[in-house]
Amino acid sequence: CKAFPGNPLNFRDDIDLVVFRENTEGLYSGVEFHPVPDEVVEVLGKHSPKMERFATVPRDELAISCRIFTRRGCERIVRAAFEYAKQHNYPTVTVVEKPNVIRETSGMMVRIAREIAKEYPGIELWETNIDAMCMWLVKNPQDYGVLVSSNMFGDILSDLAAQLVGGLGFASAGNIGEGYGVFEPTHGSAPKYAGQYKVNPTAAILAARLMLRWLGEEEKAERIERAVAEVIAEGKVRTYDMGGSASTLEMAEAIAEKAGRG
C-alpha cells in the first residue's frame, strides 16, 4: 500500500506499507464446531482448566473456532517478510500479534520472529499488539514499512492500510507460495460494480506490478509504478472514487500511455 502524491484520498503522502499475512492457518483454518460435540468439550477440559466455565453450556449454544499455528507456517511468513525488507531496503519489520492475551499462538509467532530476526542484523524487529498497531497506523503510518501477521490480524491490517492510501482502488495483493504466485486487487471481483465501467483500475494495474516484481522483472515493475504515479500527480484523469468522472478504461489508458513512454 503506497501513497501516490496527488491522490486526494491519501491520508498522508509519505506512506509505503507492505503487509505480509499468513493465509493458510490461524482462525481462518476452518476448524470449527457448532454445536460442539461432547468429546471436544471433554478433551479441552482435560487440557485447560479455563474450559471448565463452559462445560455446562448447552452444546447447541456453544461454538468453537480453532486458531491453529504451525512452526513451519510462522517461519515461512516471517522469513518472507524479512527477505522482502532486505531486498527492498526497509529498515524494520514489525510483527503484529497479541501475545499478552493469546499466549500460545501469538506467542509462537513472536518467538519465531525473534529467532529469524537474528539472521538479519541490518533490519530491526519491532513487536506491536494488533490493537495498538491499528492506533499507530492511523497516528503515524509513515513510521512503518513491512508488517507481518497471522491470518485474521493480517486481514484487518491490510484493509486499514489500503484505506490510508486511498481505499481498495489503490491496493494490490499477492498470494505467494513456494513456487507459484497469484496476484489481484484487494477489492476482489466487486460484482456490485459489474457493467458500470467506473471502478478504479489502479489496484489491478499495481497487482501486475507486484507480479512483475515477484518474477524479477524489476525495470518493468518500476515502469508501471512510475506511470501510475505520473497520472495521479497530474490529476487530469480521475475515477469516481477520486472525485472525477473518468471511466475504468480512460484511467487504464492514461496509465498505459505513460508506461509505454517508459
Protein backbone atom coordinates (compact mmCIF):
# COMPACT_ATOMS: atom_id res chain seq x y z
CA CYS A 1 0.00 0.00 0.00
CA LYS A 2 1.78 3.08 -1.27
CA ALA A 3 0.51 6.65 -1.21
CA PHE A 4 0.98 8.40 -4.53
CA PRO A 5 1.33 12.19 -4.18
CA GLY A 6 -1.59 14.00 -5.77
CA ASN A 7 -4.18 11.42 -4.75
CA PRO A 8 -6.91 13.43 -2.97
CA LEU A 9 -7.82 10.34 -0.94
CA ASN A 10 -4.42 9.93 0.71
CA PHE A 11 -4.31 10.02 4.49
CA ARG A 12 -0.71 11.14 4.09
CA ASP A 13 1.60 11.32 1.08
CA ASP A 14 4.55 9.50 2.68
CA ILE A 15 3.00 6.08 3.35
CA ASP A 16 4.66 2.95 1.98
CA LEU A 17 3.37 -0.16 3.74
CA VAL A 18 3.71 -3.85 2.90
CA VAL A 19 1.61 -6.34 4.88
CA PHE A 20 2.67 -9.99 5.00
CA ARG A 21 -0.30 -12.10 6.04
CA GLU A 22 -0.13 -15.84 6.66
CA ASN A 23 -3.22 -17.07 4.82
CA THR A 24 -3.32 -20.84 5.30
CA GLU A 25 -3.60 -21.13 9.10
CA GLY A 26 -4.87 -19.20 12.10
CA LEU A 27 -8.54 -18.52 12.73
CA TYR A 28 -9.31 -18.99 9.04
CA SER A 29 -8.21 -22.64 9.09
CA GLY A 30 -11.85 -23.69 9.02
CA VAL A 31 -11.67 -25.98 12.06
CA GLU A 32 -14.89 -25.05 13.84
CA PHE A 33 -17.65 -26.70 15.84
CA HIS A 34 -21.33 -25.81 16.30
CA PRO A 35 -22.97 -27.42 18.06
CA VAL A 36 -19.87 -28.61 19.91
CA PRO A 37 -19.56 -32.40 20.37
CA ASP A 38 -19.26 -33.62 23.96
CA GLU A 39 -15.90 -35.24 23.25
CA VAL A 40 -14.42 -31.90 22.12
CA VAL A 41 -15.53 -30.21 25.34
CA GLU A 42 -14.18 -33.12 27.39
CA VAL A 43 -10.78 -33.12 25.69
CA LEU A 44 -10.41 -29.37 26.01
CA GLY A 45 -11.45 -29.57 29.64
CA LYS A 46 -8.70 -32.09 30.38
CA HIS A 47 -6.04 -29.82 28.92
CA SER A 48 -7.23 -26.40 30.08
CA PRO A 49 -8.97 -25.55 33.36
CA LYS A 50 -10.28 -22.40 31.68
CA MET A 51 -12.68 -24.62 29.74
CA GLU A 52 -14.49 -25.52 32.95
CA ARG A 53 -16.79 -22.49 32.89
CA PHE A 54 -18.12 -23.56 29.50
CA ALA A 55 -18.69 -27.21 30.44
CA THR A 56 -22.35 -26.74 31.39
CA VAL A 57 -23.28 -24.56 28.41
CA PRO A 58 -25.77 -26.42 26.18
CA ARG A 59 -23.89 -27.76 23.20
CA ASP A 60 -26.14 -26.03 20.68
CA GLU A 61 -25.45 -22.71 22.45
CA LEU A 62 -21.68 -23.16 22.23
CA ALA A 63 -19.42 -22.52 19.24
CA ILE A 64 -15.67 -23.07 18.95
CA SER A 65 -13.29 -21.82 16.25
CA CYS A 66 -9.73 -23.11 16.46
CA ARG A 67 -6.74 -20.80 15.95
CA ILE A 68 -4.12 -23.16 14.54
CA PHE A 69 -0.48 -22.16 14.08
CA THR A 70 2.43 -24.32 12.97
CA ARG A 71 6.08 -23.55 13.36
CA ARG A 72 6.59 -24.02 9.63
CA GLY A 73 3.78 -21.62 8.78
CA CYS A 74 5.13 -18.94 11.11
CA GLU A 75 8.70 -19.36 9.90
CA ARG A 76 7.65 -19.17 6.26
CA ILE A 77 5.72 -15.90 6.53
CA VAL A 78 8.19 -14.19 8.88
CA ARG A 79 11.16 -15.13 6.72
CA ALA A 80 9.34 -13.88 3.62
CA ALA A 81 8.79 -10.54 5.34
CA PHE A 82 12.45 -10.21 6.30
CA GLU A 83 13.62 -11.22 2.84
CA TYR A 84 11.38 -8.61 1.26
CA ALA A 85 12.61 -5.95 3.68
CA LYS A 86 16.20 -6.89 2.83
CA GLN A 87 15.65 -6.83 -0.93
CA HIS A 88 13.81 -3.50 -0.91
CA ASN A 89 15.78 -1.69 1.79
CA TYR A 90 13.18 -1.44 4.53
CA PRO A 91 14.89 -0.83 7.89
CA THR A 92 12.26 -2.53 10.05
CA VAL A 93 9.89 -5.49 10.17
CA THR A 94 7.00 -5.22 12.62
CA VAL A 95 5.42 -8.44 13.89
CA VAL A 96 1.81 -7.71 14.80
CA GLU A 97 0.15 -10.15 17.17
CA LYS A 98 -1.45 -10.29 20.66
CA PRO A 99 0.89 -12.47 22.77
CA ASN A 100 -0.09 -10.86 26.07
CA VAL A 101 -3.54 -12.47 25.74
CA ILE A 102 -3.29 -15.18 23.06
CA ARG A 103 -0.16 -16.59 24.61
CA GLU A 104 0.32 -19.86 22.76
CA THR A 105 -0.35 -18.96 19.13
CA SER A 106 0.64 -15.30 19.08
CA GLY A 107 3.47 -16.17 21.43
CA MET A 108 4.78 -18.73 18.93
CA MET A 109 4.73 -16.18 16.10
CA VAL A 110 6.63 -13.59 18.15
CA ARG A 111 9.23 -16.09 19.40
CA ILE A 112 9.91 -17.27 15.86
CA ALA A 113 10.15 -13.68 14.64
CA ARG A 114 12.82 -13.02 17.26
CA GLU A 115 14.77 -16.09 16.15
CA ILE A 116 14.67 -15.17 12.48
CA ALA A 117 15.47 -11.52 13.15
CA LYS A 118 18.92 -12.61 14.37
CA GLU A 119 19.72 -13.69 10.80
CA TYR A 120 19.09 -10.14 9.53
CA PRO A 121 21.30 -7.82 11.61
CA GLY A 122 20.62 -4.85 9.36
CA ILE A 123 16.86 -4.98 9.94
CA GLU A 124 15.26 -4.07 13.26
CA LEU A 125 12.39 -6.18 14.59
CA TRP A 126 9.53 -4.27 16.16
CA GLU A 127 6.79 -6.02 18.15
CA THR A 128 3.35 -4.45 18.42
CA ASN A 129 -0.03 -5.73 19.60
CA ILE A 130 -2.77 -5.73 16.97
CA ASP A 131 -4.97 -3.21 18.79
CA ALA A 132 -2.09 -0.80 19.32
CA MET A 133 -0.97 -1.28 15.72
CA CYS A 134 -4.33 -0.08 14.42
CA MET A 135 -3.93 3.06 16.52
CA TRP A 136 -0.33 3.66 15.42
CA LEU A 137 -1.15 3.17 11.75
CA VAL A 138 -3.77 5.90 11.99
CA LYS A 139 -1.49 8.16 14.03
CA ASN A 140 1.95 7.61 12.45
CA PRO A 141 1.68 5.35 9.36
CA GLN A 142 4.85 6.84 7.90
CA ASP A 143 6.89 5.20 10.67
CA TYR A 144 6.20 1.68 9.39
CA GLY A 145 7.29 -0.33 6.37
CA VAL A 146 6.94 -4.12 6.44
CA LEU A 147 4.33 -5.66 8.73
CA VAL A 148 3.92 -9.40 9.30
CA SER A 149 0.99 -11.05 11.00
CA SER A 150 -1.28 -14.06 11.20
CA ASN A 151 -4.33 -14.62 9.05
CA MET A 152 -7.12 -12.64 10.70
CA PHE A 153 -4.91 -9.87 12.05
CA GLY A 154 -3.26 -9.52 8.64
CA ASP A 155 -6.70 -9.32 7.05
CA ILE A 156 -7.58 -6.40 9.31
CA LEU A 157 -4.26 -4.64 8.80
CA SER A 158 -4.36 -4.89 5.01
CA ASP A 159 -7.77 -3.21 4.76
CA LEU A 160 -6.70 -0.49 7.18
CA ALA A 161 -3.50 0.10 5.23
CA ALA A 162 -5.45 0.22 1.97
CA GLN A 163 -7.72 2.98 3.22
CA LEU A 164 -4.73 5.06 4.32
CA VAL A 165 -3.59 5.28 0.68
CA GLY A 166 -6.98 5.95 -0.88
CA GLY A 167 -9.00 2.78 -0.46
CA LEU A 168 -9.30 -0.57 -2.17
CA GLY A 169 -8.96 1.03 -5.59
CA PHE A 170 -5.26 1.57 -4.89
CA ALA A 171 -4.25 -1.59 -3.00
CA SER A 172 -2.89 -4.72 -4.65
CA ALA A 173 -2.09 -8.13 -3.22
CA GLY A 174 -0.21 -11.33 -3.98
CA ASN A 175 -0.96 -14.85 -2.78
CA ILE A 176 2.52 -16.30 -2.91
CA GLY A 177 3.60 -19.86 -2.27
CA GLU A 178 6.94 -21.61 -2.63
CA GLY A 179 6.66 -21.95 -6.40
CA TYR A 180 3.58 -20.08 -7.54
CA GLY A 181 2.00 -16.67 -7.11
CA VAL A 182 -1.49 -15.33 -7.79
CA PHE A 183 -1.88 -11.55 -7.87
CA GLU A 184 -5.03 -9.46 -7.54
CA PRO A 185 -6.52 -6.14 -6.49
CA THR A 186 -7.52 -6.36 -2.84
CA HIS A 187 -11.13 -5.48 -3.70
CA GLY A 188 -11.59 -8.84 -5.43
CA SER A 189 -14.20 -9.17 -8.17
CA ALA A 190 -16.53 -6.42 -6.79
CA PRO A 191 -19.64 -7.85 -8.52
CA LYS A 192 -21.88 -4.95 -7.45
CA TYR A 193 -19.96 -2.74 -9.89
CA ALA A 194 -20.18 -5.16 -12.81
CA GLY A 195 -21.02 -3.43 -16.08
CA GLN A 196 -20.80 0.09 -14.64
CA TYR A 197 -17.34 0.74 -16.09
CA LYS A 198 -16.39 3.13 -13.32
CA VAL A 199 -14.18 1.15 -10.94
CA ASN A 200 -10.66 2.47 -10.45
CA PRO A 201 -8.31 0.06 -12.28
CA THR A 202 -5.22 1.23 -10.39
CA ALA A 203 -5.27 -1.65 -7.89
CA ALA A 204 -5.43 -4.22 -10.71
CA ILE A 205 -2.61 -2.47 -12.57
CA LEU A 206 -0.49 -2.36 -9.41
CA ALA A 207 -1.16 -6.09 -8.97
CA ALA A 208 0.60 -6.56 -12.30
CA ARG A 209 3.48 -4.54 -10.89
CA LEU A 210 3.64 -6.90 -7.90
CA MET A 211 3.65 -9.89 -10.25
CA LEU A 212 6.50 -8.48 -12.33
CA ARG A 213 8.50 -7.72 -9.20
CA TRP A 214 8.00 -11.30 -7.99
CA LEU A 215 9.14 -12.57 -11.39
CA GLY A 216 12.30 -10.49 -11.14
CA GLU A 217 11.22 -8.01 -13.82
CA GLU A 218 12.10 -5.01 -11.67
CA GLU A 219 12.50 -2.49 -14.51
CA LYS A 220 9.06 -3.28 -15.91
CA ALA A 221 7.53 -3.14 -12.44
CA GLU A 222 9.10 0.26 -11.87
CA ARG A 223 7.79 1.48 -15.23
CA ILE A 224 4.24 0.64 -14.19
CA GLU A 225 4.67 2.32 -10.81
CA ARG A 226 6.06 5.48 -12.41
CA ALA A 227 3.17 5.58 -14.86
CA VAL A 228 0.61 5.31 -12.06
CA ALA A 229 2.42 7.99 -10.07
CA GLU A 230 2.51 10.38 -13.04
CA VAL A 231 -1.18 10.04 -13.86
CA ILE A 232 -2.20 10.56 -10.25
CA ALA A 233 0.15 13.51 -9.79
CA GLU A 234 -1.17 15.24 -12.93
CA GLY A 235 -4.76 14.90 -11.70
CA LYS A 236 -6.24 15.18 -15.20
CA VAL A 237 -7.78 11.71 -15.21
CA ARG A 238 -9.63 10.61 -12.08
CA THR A 239 -12.22 7.92 -11.48
CA TYR A 240 -15.36 8.47 -9.39
CA ASP A 241 -13.71 7.48 -6.10
CA MET A 242 -11.17 10.28 -6.61
CA GLY A 243 -13.88 12.84 -7.32
CA GLY A 244 -13.58 12.60 -11.09
CA SER A 245 -15.67 11.22 -13.94
CA ALA A 246 -13.16 9.08 -15.87
CA SER A 247 -14.20 5.56 -16.75
CA THR A 248 -12.23 2.44 -15.94
CA LEU A 249 -10.90 2.36 -19.49
CA GLU A 250 -9.93 6.04 -19.54
CA MET A 251 -7.90 5.66 -16.36
CA ALA A 252 -6.27 2.47 -17.63
CA GLU A 253 -5.43 4.04 -20.99
CA ALA A 254 -3.86 7.08 -19.32
CA ILE A 255 -1.61 4.83 -17.26
CA ALA A 256 -0.80 2.60 -20.25
CA GLU A 257 0.21 5.63 -22.29
CA LYS A 258 2.64 6.76 -19.59
CA ALA A 259 4.04 3.25 -19.22
CA GLY A 260 4.52 2.99 -22.98
CA ARG A 261 6.73 6.04 -22.94
CA GLY A 262 8.96 4.36 -20.37
